Amino acid sequence: MIVPLTSEAFLNANGPIIDVRSPGEFAHGHIPGAFNLPLFDNAERAIIGTLYKQQGRDAAMLEGLRIVGPKLAAIVEQCRAWAPEGRVRLHCWRGGERSGSVAWLLDKTGFTQVHVLRGGYKDFRNHVRMSFEAARALFVLGGYTGTGKTETLSHLRALGAQTIDLEGMAHHKGSSYGAIGEQPQPSTEHFENMLWQALATMDPGTPIWLEDESPMIGRVRIPDALFAQMRQAVLYFADMPLEERAARLVVDYGRYPKNELEAATKRIEKRLGPQHCKAALEALANDDLLTVATITLRYYDKAYLRGAAERPKEKVVHIPATASDLRGLATRLLQHAAASSPLL
């Protein structure tokens, strides 16, 4: 039986999600957890699209049938492997020809329940974007570069708090050095999909802790609606001495290739100033990473302080922090938030 569903119903239904779009479409963004079973590969999709524009729907449909015909048995076999109980959820881009064709095929070959996403992935994306408009109890963890905010978030999570690691999802630590040691960044579209999934599992009325960020994390953009809420939230500013932060950065980045550190330093030459950049590069050449970290931190500290100064003073809470006790910092954050917020 084929049953079209809205995004909300589709996401709550049973069975694996099977995305029949091309590999390129899937790589750019997809429903988290979905399997990709492309009806057409990237080149085939381009051929069909060109035919549709130049000769119309009928010519494109015929060519599509020629391409798909030899694949039909393999499609059924793969779907049975993913859904041995015979229940699947299918979608393409708009919920049209591709998902409809595969749904018909699976229905005819004995699948008991075939749910099709009405409006396709496009409708899911609207659902994702709208979800960021929902009000949430956000608590923002801030502090200068090198404070160990990501590690502190992990301690908050271990203590039972709801947390979102934006930099982890973005595969970027947010600075010129942020891509070093990271996997390639997702598209902003897929970053939003992953963020939607994480937020969907959380209670919006219970505090959610995130790290303070700029609108962009590398090349990935935080959804505007969520970023606006982050800017309105209380900022818990973890105050850690520069010397301790510089030492942490040496440990964090010292294992990476020197040429990558050099390139990252050169990218911020105008912001550091020629003399400071030259001094940092000379220190790097001499393996004096502590001096490199100290020089760059002075720039990043000024930049971060300008951003924090844009917030109302009553919404910035300074919490002392030491590099040796980030779990203690997490505990103090929760205690302070509980004492000052009716949400906790």
C-alpha atoms as a PDB file:
ATOM      1  CA  MET A   1       0.000   0.000   0.000  1.00  0.00           C
ATOM      2  CA  ILE A   2       1.355   3.429  -0.993  1.00  0.00           C
ATOM      3  CA  VAL A   3       0.607   6.227   1.473  1.00  0.00           C
ATOM      4  CA  PRO A   4       1.705   9.852   0.867  1.00  0.00           C
ATOM      5  CA  LEU A   5       2.613  11.657   4.113  1.00  0.00           C
ATOM      6  CA  THR A   6       3.467  15.184   5.211  1.00  0.00           C
ATOM      7  CA  SER A   7       6.993  15.786   6.496  1.00  0.00           C
ATOM      8  CA  GLU A   8       6.012  15.529  10.146  1.00  0.00           C
ATOM      9  CA  ALA A   9       4.096  12.276   9.667  1.00  0.00           C
ATOM     10  CA  PHE A  10       6.776  10.873   7.360  1.00  0.00           C
ATOM     11  CA  LEU A  11       9.531  11.521   9.910  1.00  0.00           C
ATOM     12  CA  ASN A  12       7.505   9.830  12.649  1.00  0.00           C
ATOM     13  CA  ALA A  13       6.542   6.789  10.570  1.00  0.00           C
ATOM     14  CA  ASN A  14       8.246   3.380  10.678  1.00  0.00           C
ATOM     15  CA  GLY A  15      10.745   1.926   8.237  1.00  0.00           C
ATOM     16  CA  PRO A  16      14.078   3.036   6.803  1.00  0.00           C
ATOM     17  CA  ILE A  17      14.167   6.296   4.862  1.00  0.00           C
ATOM     18  CA  ILE A  18      15.300   5.697   1.279  1.00  0.00           C
ATOM     19  CA  ASP A  19      16.372   8.724  -0.738  1.00  0.00           C
ATOM     20  CA  VAL A  20      16.195   7.989  -4.477  1.00  0.00           C
ATOM     21  CA  ARG A  21      17.850  11.241  -5.572  1.00  0.00           C
ATOM     22  CA  SER A  22      21.248  11.262  -7.287  1.00  0.00           C
ATOM     23  CA  PRO A  23      24.469  10.847  -5.265  1.00  0.00           C
ATOM     24  CA  GLY A  24      25.323  14.527  -5.819  1.00  0.00           C
ATOM     25  CA  GLU A  25      21.983  15.698  -4.442  1.00  0.00           C
ATOM     26  CA  PHE A  26      22.329  13.348  -1.477  1.00  0.00           C
ATOM     27  CA  ALA A  27      25.888  14.503  -0.714  1.00  0.00           C
ATOM     28  CA  HIS A  28      24.811  18.150  -0.682  1.00  0.00           C
ATOM     29  CA  GLY A  29      22.155  17.479   1.923  1.00  0.00           C
ATOM     30  CA  HIS A  30      19.864  14.686   3.076  1.00  0.00           C
ATOM     31  CA  ILE A  31      17.619  13.568   5.907  1.00  0.00           C
ATOM     32  CA  PRO A  32      19.991  12.324   8.632  1.00  0.00           C
ATOM     33  CA  GLY A  33      20.019   8.540   8.735  1.00  0.00           C
ATOM     34  CA  ALA A  34      18.609   8.109   5.229  1.00  0.00           C
ATOM     35  CA  PHE A  35      19.955   5.549   2.755  1.00  0.00           C
ATOM     36  CA  ASN A  36      20.784   6.678  -0.770  1.00  0.00           C
ATOM     37  CA  LEU A  37      19.416   4.470  -3.556  1.00  0.00           C
ATOM     38  CA  PRO A  38      19.723   6.691  -6.625  1.00  0.00           C
ATOM     39  CA  LEU A  39      17.364   6.046  -9.477  1.00  0.00           C
ATOM     40  CA  PHE A  40      19.859   7.939 -11.674  1.00  0.00           C
ATOM     41  CA  ASP A  41      23.532   8.613 -11.086  1.00  0.00           C
ATOM     42  CA  ASN A  42      24.836  12.172 -11.464  1.00  0.00           C
ATOM     43  CA  ALA A  43      25.550  11.884 -15.183  1.00  0.00           C
ATOM     44  CA  GLU A  44      22.223  10.176 -15.913  1.00  0.00           C
ATOM     45  CA  ARG A  45      20.333  12.843 -14.006  1.00  0.00           C
ATOM     46  CA  ALA A  46      22.052  15.525 -16.090  1.00  0.00           C
ATOM     47  CA  ILE A  47      21.038  13.738 -19.301  1.00  0.00           C
ATOM     48  CA  ILE A  48      17.399  13.496 -18.182  1.00  0.00           C
ATOM     49  CA  GLY A  49      17.349  17.139 -17.135  1.00  0.00           C
ATOM     50  CA  THR A  50      18.748  18.290 -20.477  1.00  0.00           C
ATOM     51  CA  LEU A  51      16.226  16.217 -22.412  1.00  0.00           C
ATOM     52  CA  TYR A  52      13.375  17.610 -20.317  1.00  0.00           C
ATOM     53  CA  LYS A  53      14.417  21.189 -21.086  1.00  0.00           C
ATOM     54  CA  GLN A  54      15.137  20.634 -24.772  1.00  0.00           C
ATOM     55  CA  GLN A  55      12.543  18.060 -25.864  1.00  0.00           C
ATOM     56  CA  GLY A  56       9.941  17.950 -23.098  1.00  0.00           C
ATOM     57  CA  ARG A  57       8.604  15.528 -20.525  1.00  0.00           C
ATOM     58  CA  ASP A  58       7.822  12.598 -22.839  1.00  0.00           C
ATOM     59  CA  ALA A  59      11.372  12.370 -24.210  1.00  0.00           C
ATOM     60  CA  ALA A  60      12.824  12.619 -20.705  1.00  0.00           C
ATOM     61  CA  MET A  61      10.463   9.898 -19.431  1.00  0.00           C
ATOM     62  CA  LEU A  62      11.405   7.489 -22.222  1.00  0.00           C
ATOM     63  CA  GLU A  63      15.105   7.969 -21.640  1.00  0.00           C
ATOM     64  CA  GLY A  64      14.543   7.527 -17.930  1.00  0.00           C
ATOM     65  CA  LEU A  65      12.828   4.195 -18.562  1.00  0.00           C
ATOM     66  CA  ARG A  66      15.736   3.023 -20.725  1.00  0.00           C
ATOM     67  CA  ILE A  67      18.199   3.901 -17.964  1.00  0.00           C
ATOM     68  CA  VAL A  68      16.206   2.511 -15.045  1.00  0.00           C
ATOM     69  CA  GLY A  69      14.969  -0.724 -16.636  1.00  0.00           C
ATOM     70  CA  PRO A  70      18.118  -2.792 -15.992  1.00  0.00           C
ATOM     71  CA  LYS A  71      18.268  -1.529 -12.395  1.00  0.00           C
ATOM     72  CA  LEU A  72      14.792  -2.552 -11.226  1.00  0.00           C
ATOM     73  CA  ALA A  73      15.659  -5.936  -9.733  1.00  0.00           C
ATOM     74  CA  ALA A  74      18.655  -4.514  -7.871  1.00  0.00           C
ATOM     75  CA  ILE A  75      16.492  -1.704  -6.449  1.00  0.00           C
ATOM     76  CA  VAL A  76      13.985  -4.212  -5.055  1.00  0.00           C
ATOM     77  CA  GLU A  77      16.717  -6.445  -3.626  1.00  0.00           C
ATOM     78  CA  GLN A  78      18.454  -3.543  -1.896  1.00  0.00           C
ATOM     79  CA  CYS A  79      15.193  -2.260  -0.411  1.00  0.00           C
ATOM     80  CA  ARG A  80      14.404  -5.740   0.916  1.00  0.00           C
ATOM     81  CA  ALA A  81      17.833  -5.868   2.542  1.00  0.00           C
ATOM     82  CA  TRP A  82      17.187  -2.538   4.284  1.00  0.00           C
ATOM     83  CA  ALA A  83      13.520  -3.272   5.066  1.00  0.00           C
ATOM     84  CA  PRO A  84      12.989  -7.029   5.534  1.00  0.00           C
ATOM     85  CA  GLU A  85       9.617  -6.359   7.203  1.00  0.00           C
ATOM     86  CA  GLY A  86       8.339  -4.653   4.055  1.00  0.00           C
ATOM     87  CA  ARG A  87       7.877  -1.128   5.430  1.00  0.00           C
ATOM     88  CA  VAL A  88       9.797   1.729   3.809  1.00  0.00           C
ATOM     89  CA  ARG A  89       9.763   5.507   3.573  1.00  0.00           C
ATOM     90  CA  LEU A  90      10.651   6.942   0.152  1.00  0.00           C
ATOM     91  CA  HIS A  91      11.381  10.397  -1.153  1.00  0.00           C
ATOM     92  CA  CYS A  92      12.956  12.282  -4.038  1.00  0.00           C
ATOM     93  CA  TRP A  93      13.307  16.054  -4.561  1.00  0.00           C
ATOM     94  CA  ARG A  94       9.657  17.098  -4.996  1.00  0.00           C
ATOM     95  CA  GLY A  95       7.823  13.850  -4.310  1.00  0.00           C
ATOM     96  CA  GLY A  96       7.206  13.335  -8.002  1.00  0.00           C
ATOM     97  CA  GLU A  97       8.308  10.910 -10.692  1.00  0.00           C
ATOM     98  CA  ARG A  98      11.327   9.293  -9.048  1.00  0.00           C
ATOM     99  CA  SER A  99       9.859   8.404  -5.664  1.00  0.00           C
ATOM    100  CA  GLY A 100       6.484   7.654  -7.265  1.00  0.00           C
ATOM    101  CA  SER A 101       8.075   5.177  -9.675  1.00  0.00           C
ATOM    102  CA  VAL A 102      10.022   3.360  -6.977  1.00  0.00           C
ATOM    103  CA  ALA A 103       6.970   3.337  -4.692  1.00  0.00           C
ATOM    104  CA  TRP A 104       4.921   1.682  -7.467  1.00  0.00           C
ATOM    105  CA  LEU A 105       7.688  -0.887  -8.022  1.00  0.00           C
ATOM    106  CA  LEU A 106       7.965  -1.788  -4.340  1.00  0.00           C
ATOM    107  CA  ASP A 107       4.197  -1.974  -3.943  1.00  0.00           C
ATOM    108  CA  LYS A 108       3.990  -4.382  -6.899  1.00  0.00           C
ATOM    109  CA  THR A 109       6.791  -6.567  -5.519  1.00  0.00           C
ATOM    110  CA  GLY A 110       5.190  -7.223  -2.164  1.00  0.00           C
ATOM    111  CA  PHE A 111       6.142  -4.396   0.183  1.00  0.00           C
ATOM    112  CA  THR A 112       3.325  -4.003   2.685  1.00  0.00           C
ATOM    113  CA  GLN A 113       3.710  -0.316   3.488  1.00  0.00           C
ATOM    114  CA  VAL A 114       5.344   2.312   1.278  1.00  0.00           C
ATOM    115  CA  HIS A 115       5.256   5.807   2.678  1.00  0.00           C
ATOM    116  CA  VAL A 116       6.099   8.592   0.218  1.00  0.00           C
ATOM    117  CA  LEU A 117       7.091  12.072   1.368  1.00  0.00           C
ATOM    118  CA  ARG A 118       4.548  14.485  -0.090  1.00  0.00           C
ATOM    119  CA  GLY A 119       6.503  17.391  -1.546  1.00  0.00           C
ATOM    120  CA  GLY A 120       9.732  15.418  -1.252  1.00  0.00           C
ATOM    121  CA  TYR A 121      13.019  16.584   0.211  1.00  0.00           C
ATOM    122  CA  LYS A 122      12.040  20.147  -0.676  1.00  0.00           C
ATOM    123  CA  ASP A 123       9.178  19.935   1.821  1.00  0.00           C
ATOM    124  CA  PHE A 124      11.494  18.433   4.439  1.00  0.00           C
ATOM    125  CA  ARG A 125      13.824  21.411   3.996  1.00  0.00           C
ATOM    126  CA  ASN A 126      10.922  23.793   4.619  1.00  0.00           C
ATOM    127  CA  HIS A 127      10.150  21.796   7.763  1.00  0.00           C
ATOM    128  CA  VAL A 128      13.783  22.139   8.903  1.00  0.00           C
ATOM    129  CA  ARG A 129      13.935  25.887   8.306  1.00  0.00           C
ATOM    130  CA  MET A 130      10.650  26.491  10.107  1.00  0.00           C
ATOM    131  CA  SER A 131      11.847  24.454  13.104  1.00  0.00           C
ATOM    132  CA  PHE A 132      14.515  27.032  13.940  1.00  0.00           C
ATOM    133  CA  GLU A 133      11.796  29.623  14.568  1.00  0.00           C
ATOM    134  CA  ALA A 134      10.638  27.733  17.671  1.00  0.00           C
ATOM    135  CA  ALA A 135      11.529  29.387  20.975  1.00  0.00           C
ATOM    136  CA  ARG A 136      14.102  27.484  22.998  1.00  0.00           C
ATOM    137  CA  ALA A 137      15.747  27.966  26.367  1.00  0.00           C
ATOM    138  CA  LEU A 138      19.276  28.602  25.129  1.00  0.00           C
ATOM    139  CA  PHE A 139      22.287  29.082  27.396  1.00  0.00           C
ATOM    140  CA  VAL A 140      25.452  30.225  25.614  1.00  0.00           C
ATOM    141  CA  LEU A 141      28.943  29.313  26.773  1.00  0.00           C
ATOM    142  CA  GLY A 142      31.461  31.978  25.815  1.00  0.00           C
ATOM    143  CA  GLY A 143      35.057  32.863  26.500  1.00  0.00           C
ATOM    144  CA  TYR A 144      38.244  33.736  24.705  1.00  0.00           C
ATOM    145  CA  THR A 145      39.889  31.333  22.240  1.00  0.00           C
ATOM    146  CA  GLY A 146      41.614  28.440  23.978  1.00  0.00           C
ATOM    147  CA  THR A 147      39.286  28.364  26.979  1.00  0.00           C
ATOM    148  CA  GLY A 148      38.244  24.774  26.279  1.00  0.00           C
ATOM    149  CA  LYS A 149      34.607  25.523  25.578  1.00  0.00           C
ATOM    150  CA  THR A 150      34.061  22.363  23.512  1.00  0.00           C
ATOM    151  CA  GLU A 151      35.520  20.217  26.294  1.00  0.00           C
ATOM    152  CA  THR A 152      33.399  22.067  28.839  1.00  0.00           C
ATOM    153  CA  LEU A 153      30.299  21.291  26.768  1.00  0.00           C
ATOM    154  CA  SER A 154      31.204  17.605  26.977  1.00  0.00           C
ATOM    155  CA  HIS A 155      31.396  17.895  30.784  1.00  0.00           C
ATOM    156  CA  LEU A 156      28.018  19.657  30.826  1.00  0.00           C
ATOM    157  CA  ARG A 157      26.595  16.794  28.786  1.00  0.00           C
ATOM    158  CA  ALA A 158      28.107  14.235  31.166  1.00  0.00           C
ATOM    159  CA  LEU A 159      26.448  16.096  34.038  1.00  0.00           C
ATOM    160  CA  GLY A 160      23.050  15.684  32.368  1.00  0.00           C
ATOM    161  CA  ALA A 161      22.680  18.966  30.497  1.00  0.00           C
ATOM    162  CA  GLN A 162      21.351  19.253  26.953  1.00  0.00           C
ATOM    163  CA  THR A 163      24.183  20.431  24.690  1.00  0.00           C
ATOM    164  CA  ILE A 164      24.768  21.148  20.999  1.00  0.00           C
ATOM    165  CA  ASP A 165      28.319  21.059  19.626  1.00  0.00           C
ATOM    166  CA  LEU A 166      28.002  23.440  16.673  1.00  0.00           C
ATOM    167  CA  GLU A 167      31.710  23.280  15.824  1.00  0.00           C
ATOM    168  CA  GLY A 168      31.649  19.495  15.878  1.00  0.00           C
ATOM    169  CA  MET A 169      28.763  19.462  13.413  1.00  0.00           C
ATOM    170  CA  ALA A 170      30.475  22.065  11.239  1.00  0.00           C
ATOM    171  CA  HIS A 171      33.841  20.246  11.326  1.00  0.00           C
ATOM    172  CA  HIS A 172      35.505  23.570  12.090  1.00  0.00           C
ATOM    173  CA  LYS A 173      36.754  25.279  15.244  1.00  0.00           C
ATOM    174  CA  GLY A 174      35.784  28.743  14.075  1.00  0.00           C
ATOM    175  CA  SER A 175      39.148  30.487  13.607  1.00  0.00           C
ATOM    176  CA  SER A 176      41.671  30.713  10.775  1.00  0.00           C
ATOM    177  CA  TYR A 177      43.169  27.539  12.271  1.00  0.00           C
ATOM    178  CA  GLY A 178      39.759  25.914  12.668  1.00  0.00           C
ATOM    179  CA  ALA A 179      39.866  23.537   9.693  1.00  0.00           C
ATOM    180  CA  ILE A 180      43.198  21.989  10.665  1.00  0.00           C
ATOM    181  CA  GLY A 181      42.755  18.346  11.608  1.00  0.00           C
ATOM    182  CA  GLU A 182      39.063  18.370  10.696  1.00  0.00           C
ATOM    183  CA  GLN A 183      37.056  16.488   8.087  1.00  0.00           C
ATOM    184  CA  PRO A 184      35.711  18.501   5.113  1.00  0.00           C
ATOM    185  CA  GLN A 185      32.861  20.767   6.128  1.00  0.00           C
ATOM    186  CA  PRO A 186      29.284  19.833   5.232  1.00  0.00           C
ATOM    187  CA  SER A 187      27.189  22.193   3.165  1.00  0.00           C
ATOM    188  CA  THR A 188      25.220  24.753   5.157  1.00  0.00           C
ATOM    189  CA  GLU A 189      22.125  22.841   4.033  1.00  0.00           C
ATOM    190  CA  HIS A 190      23.267  19.564   5.581  1.00  0.00           C
ATOM    191  CA  PHE A 191      24.589  21.346   8.668  1.00  0.00           C
ATOM    192  CA  GLU A 192      21.039  22.641   9.175  1.00  0.00           C
ATOM    193  CA  ASN A 193      19.687  19.111   8.720  1.00  0.00           C
ATOM    194  CA  MET A 194      22.021  17.734  11.405  1.00  0.00           C
ATOM    195  CA  LEU A 195      21.225  20.631  13.711  1.00  0.00           C
ATOM    196  CA  TRP A 196      17.495  20.047  13.217  1.00  0.00           C
ATOM    197  CA  GLN A 197      17.956  16.385  14.129  1.00  0.00           C
ATOM    198  CA  ALA A 198      19.874  17.221  17.306  1.00  0.00           C
ATOM    199  CA  LEU A 199      17.344  19.834  18.423  1.00  0.00           C
ATOM    200  CA  ALA A 200      14.400  17.549  17.609  1.00  0.00           C
ATOM    201  CA  THR A 201      15.540  15.117  20.299  1.00  0.00           C
ATOM    202  CA  MET A 202      15.646  17.813  22.985  1.00  0.00           C
ATOM    203  CA  ASP A 203      13.082  19.382  25.306  1.00  0.00           C
ATOM    204  CA  PRO A 204      12.758  23.019  24.097  1.00  0.00           C
ATOM    205  CA  GLY A 205      11.670  24.122  27.582  1.00  0.00           C
ATOM    206  CA  THR A 206      14.788  22.687  29.252  1.00  0.00           C
ATOM    207  CA  PRO A 207      18.049  24.654  28.864  1.00  0.00           C
ATOM    208  CA  ILE A 208      20.165  23.827  25.834  1.00  0.00           C
ATOM    209  CA  TRP A 209      23.840  24.803  26.081  1.00  0.00           C
ATOM    210  CA  LEU A 210      25.730  25.934  22.976  1.00  0.00           C
ATOM    211  CA  GLU A 211      29.083  27.550  22.389  1.00  0.00           C
ATOM    212  CA  ASP A 212      29.151  31.230  21.461  1.00  0.00           C
ATOM    213  CA  GLU A 213      29.846  31.596  17.747  1.00  0.00           C
ATOM    214  CA  SER A 214      29.943  34.078  14.916  1.00  0.00           C
ATOM    215  CA  PRO A 215      27.205  33.631  12.286  1.00  0.00           C
ATOM    216  CA  MET A 216      29.708  31.677  10.183  1.00  0.00           C
ATOM    217  CA  ILE A 217      31.661  28.648  11.379  1.00  0.00           C
ATOM    218  CA  GLY A 218      34.203  28.362   8.607  1.00  0.00           C
ATOM    219  CA  ARG A 219      32.024  28.206   5.478  1.00  0.00           C
ATOM    220  CA  VAL A 220      28.927  26.977   7.289  1.00  0.00           C
ATOM    221  CA  ARG A 221      26.245  29.413   8.418  1.00  0.00           C
ATOM    222  CA  ILE A 222      24.185  29.103  11.591  1.00  0.00           C
ATOM    223  CA  PRO A 223      20.445  29.501  10.787  1.00  0.00           C
ATOM    224  CA  ASP A 224      19.483  33.140  11.236  1.00  0.00           C
ATOM    225  CA  ALA A 225      16.525  32.401  13.510  1.00  0.00           C
ATOM    226  CA  LEU A 226      18.619  30.266  15.860  1.00  0.00           C
ATOM    227  CA  PHE A 227      21.514  32.731  15.830  1.00  0.00           C
ATOM    228  CA  ALA A 228      19.141  35.547  16.806  1.00  0.00           C
ATOM    229  CA  GLN A 229      18.020  33.497  19.813  1.00  0.00           C
ATOM    230  CA  MET A 230      21.650  32.798  20.729  1.00  0.00           C
ATOM    231  CA  ARG A 231      22.339  36.538  20.742  1.00  0.00           C
ATOM    232  CA  GLN A 232      19.402  37.144  23.057  1.00  0.00           C
ATOM    233  CA  ALA A 233      20.420  34.396  25.479  1.00  0.00           C
ATOM    234  CA  VAL A 234      22.531  34.795  28.615  1.00  0.00           C
ATOM    235  CA  LEU A 235      26.241  34.525  27.797  1.00  0.00           C
ATOM    236  CA  TYR A 236      28.286  32.665  30.406  1.00  0.00           C
ATOM    237  CA  PHE A 237      31.783  34.036  29.834  1.00  0.00           C
ATOM    238  CA  ALA A 238      34.446  31.602  31.088  1.00  0.00           C
ATOM    239  CA  ASP A 239      37.415  33.708  32.223  1.00  0.00           C
ATOM    240  CA  MET A 240      40.700  31.829  31.845  1.00  0.00           C
ATOM    241  CA  PRO A 241      44.172  33.469  31.979  1.00  0.00           C
ATOM    242  CA  LEU A 242      45.905  33.974  28.633  1.00  0.00           C
ATOM    243  CA  GLU A 243      48.920  31.898  29.692  1.00  0.00           C
ATOM    244  CA  GLU A 244      46.757  28.855  30.381  1.00  0.00           C
ATOM    245  CA  ARG A 245      44.887  29.260  27.131  1.00  0.00           C
ATOM    246  CA  ALA A 246      48.115  29.566  25.134  1.00  0.00           C
ATOM    247  CA  ALA A 247      49.412  26.368  26.734  1.00  0.00           C
ATOM    248  CA  ARG A 248      46.165  24.565  25.799  1.00  0.00           C
ATOM    249  CA  LEU A 249      46.503  25.677  22.170  1.00  0.00           C
ATOM    250  CA  VAL A 250      50.067  24.357  22.014  1.00  0.00           C
ATOM    251  CA  VAL A 251      48.755  20.948  23.071  1.00  0.00           C
ATOM    252  CA  ASP A 252      45.745  21.115  20.730  1.00  0.00           C
ATOM    253  CA  TYR A 253      47.599  22.294  17.603  1.00  0.00           C
ATOM    254  CA  GLY A 254      51.192  21.257  18.200  1.00  0.00           C
ATOM    255  CA  ARG A 255      50.671  17.865  16.567  1.00  0.00           C
ATOM    256  CA  TYR A 256      49.610  19.315  13.220  1.00  0.00           C
ATOM    257  CA  PRO A 257      51.917  19.952  10.220  1.00  0.00           C
ATOM    258  CA  LYS A 258      53.873  23.173  10.469  1.00  0.00           C
ATOM    259  CA  ASN A 259      52.965  24.218   6.917  1.00  0.00           C
ATOM    260  CA  GLU A 260      49.253  24.191   7.794  1.00  0.00           C
ATOM    261  CA  LEU A 261      49.873  26.351  10.864  1.00  0.00           C
ATOM    262  CA  GLU A 262      51.944  28.713   8.730  1.00  0.00           C
ATOM    263  CA  ALA A 263      49.206  29.036   6.102  1.00  0.00           C
ATOM    264  CA  ALA A 264      46.584  29.721   8.789  1.00  0.00           C
ATOM    265  CA  THR A 265      48.779  32.413  10.329  1.00  0.00           C
ATOM    266  CA  LYS A 266      49.328  34.102   6.964  1.00  0.00           C
ATOM    267  CA  ARG A 267      45.561  34.203   6.383  1.00  0.00           C
ATOM    268  CA  ILE A 268      45.177  36.612   9.303  1.00  0.00           C
ATOM    269  CA  GLU A 269      48.282  38.714   8.532  1.00  0.00           C
ATOM    270  CA  LYS A 270      46.262  41.894   7.924  1.00  0.00           C
ATOM    271  CA  ARG A 271      44.419  41.447  11.196  1.00  0.00           C
ATOM    272  CA  LEU A 272      47.522  40.601  13.208  1.00  0.00           C
ATOM    273  CA  GLY A 273      49.563  43.340  11.568  1.00  0.00           C
ATOM    274  CA  PRO A 274      52.721  42.703   9.521  1.00  0.00           C
ATOM    275  CA  GLN A 275      55.099  42.875  12.483  1.00  0.00           C
ATOM    276  CA  HIS A 276      53.080  40.517  14.689  1.00  0.00           C
ATOM    277  CA  CYS A 277      52.581  38.109  11.796  1.00  0.00           C
ATOM    278  CA  LYS A 278      56.311  38.109  11.052  1.00  0.00           C
ATOM    279  CA  ALA A 279      57.099  37.457  14.717  1.00  0.00           C
ATOM    280  CA  ALA A 280      54.611  34.599  14.844  1.00  0.00           C
ATOM    281  CA  LEU A 281      56.006  32.997  11.697  1.00  0.00           C
ATOM    282  CA  GLU A 282      59.575  33.279  13.002  1.00  0.00           C
ATOM    283  CA  ALA A 283      58.511  31.670  16.264  1.00  0.00           C
ATOM    284  CA  LEU A 284      56.776  28.893  14.324  1.00  0.00           C
ATOM    285  CA  ALA A 285      59.940  28.272  12.288  1.00  0.00           C
ATOM    286  CA  ASN A 286      61.830  27.922  15.588  1.00  0.00           C
ATOM    287  CA  ASP A 287      59.183  25.529  17.011  1.00  0.00           C
ATOM    288  CA  ASP A 288      58.221  28.107  19.625  1.00  0.00           C
ATOM    289  CA  LEU A 289      54.521  27.369  19.514  1.00  0.00           C
ATOM    290  CA  LEU A 290      53.827  29.085  22.812  1.00  0.00           C
ATOM    291  CA  THR A 291      54.901  32.420  21.339  1.00  0.00           C
ATOM    292  CA  VAL A 292      52.797  31.787  18.228  1.00  0.00           C
ATOM    293  CA  ALA A 293      49.752  31.065  20.402  1.00  0.00           C
ATOM    294  CA  THR A 294      50.348  34.135  22.588  1.00  0.00           C
ATOM    295  CA  ILE A 295      50.635  36.482  19.601  1.00  0.00           C
ATOM    296  CA  THR A 296      47.540  35.159  17.853  1.00  0.00           C
ATOM    297  CA  LEU A 297      45.494  35.075  21.058  1.00  0.00           C
ATOM    298  CA  ARG A 298      45.963  38.808  21.560  1.00  0.00           C
ATOM    299  CA  TYR A 299      44.268  39.377  18.206  1.00  0.00           C
ATOM    300  CA  TYR A 300      41.479  36.868  18.801  1.00  0.00           C
ATOM    301  CA  ASP A 301      40.860  38.200  22.320  1.00  0.00           C
ATOM    302  CA  LYS A 302      40.276  41.710  20.981  1.00  0.00           C
ATOM    303  CA  ALA A 303      37.967  40.420  18.241  1.00  0.00           C
ATOM    304  CA  TYR A 304      35.948  38.294  20.667  1.00  0.00           C
ATOM    305  CA  LEU A 305      35.683  41.103  23.203  1.00  0.00           C
ATOM    306  CA  ARG A 306      34.194  43.403  20.548  1.00  0.00           C
ATOM    307  CA  GLY A 307      31.498  40.822  19.838  1.00  0.00           C
ATOM    308  CA  ALA A 308      30.736  40.234  23.519  1.00  0.00           C
ATOM    309  CA  ALA A 309      30.500  43.979  24.101  1.00  0.00           C
ATOM    310  CA  GLU A 310      27.506  44.128  21.750  1.00  0.00           C
ATOM    311  CA  ARG A 311      25.437  42.162  24.265  1.00  0.00           C
ATOM    312  CA  PRO A 312      23.594  43.877  27.128  1.00  0.00           C
ATOM    313  CA  LYS A 313      25.847  43.842  30.209  1.00  0.00           C
ATOM    314  CA  GLU A 314      23.127  42.245  32.324  1.00  0.00           C
ATOM    315  CA  LYS A 315      23.179  39.236  29.990  1.00  0.00           C
ATOM    316  CA  VAL A 316      26.918  38.552  30.354  1.00  0.00           C
ATOM    317  CA  VAL A 317      27.943  36.488  33.385  1.00  0.00           C
ATOM    318  CA  HIS A 318      31.672  36.052  34.065  1.00  0.00           C
ATOM    319  CA  ILE A 319      32.704  32.715  35.559  1.00  0.00           C
ATOM    320  CA  PRO A 320      36.351  32.104  36.632  1.00  0.00           C
ATOM    321  CA  ALA A 321      37.936  29.149  34.829  1.00  0.00           C
ATOM    322  CA  THR A 322      41.176  27.189  34.982  1.00  0.00           C
ATOM    323  CA  ALA A 323      42.540  24.821  32.357  1.00  0.00           C
ATOM    324  CA  SER A 324      43.035  22.071  34.929  1.00  0.00           C
ATOM    325  CA  ASP A 325      39.403  21.935  36.086  1.00  0.00           C
ATOM    326  CA  LEU A 326      36.949  22.228  33.213  1.00  0.00           C
ATOM    327  CA  ARG A 327      34.608  19.734  34.841  1.00  0.00           C
ATOM    328  CA  GLY A 328      34.510  22.036  37.853  1.00  0.00           C
ATOM    329  CA  LEU A 329      33.700  24.908  35.479  1.00  0.00           C
ATOM    330  CA  ALA A 330      30.787  22.896  34.069  1.00  0.00           C
ATOM    331  CA  THR A 331      29.493  22.240  37.576  1.00  0.00           C
ATOM    332  CA  ARG A 332      29.711  25.935  38.495  1.00  0.00           C
ATOM    333  CA  LEU A 333      27.923  26.902  35.278  1.00  0.00           C
ATOM    334  CA  LEU A 334      25.008  24.610  36.076  1.00  0.00           C
ATOM    335  CA  GLN A 335      24.868  25.827  39.665  1.00  0.00           C
ATOM    336  CA  HIS A 336      24.889  29.481  38.643  1.00  0.00           C
ATOM    337  CA  ALA A 337      22.312  28.929  35.920  1.00  0.00           C
ATOM    338  CA  ALA A 338      20.056  27.036  38.348  1.00  0.00           C
ATOM    339  CA  ALA A 339      20.304  29.784  40.953  1.00  0.00           C
ATOM    340  CA  SER A 340      19.557  32.605  38.520  1.00  0.00           C
ATOM    341  CA  SER A 341      17.046  31.096  36.101  1.00  0.00           C
ATOM    342  CA  PRO A 342      13.460  29.990  36.728  1.00  0.00           C
ATOM    343  CA  LEU A 343      13.986  27.473  33.913  1.00  0.00           C
ATOM    344  CA  LEU A 344      16.134  25.239  36.076  1.00  0.00           C
END
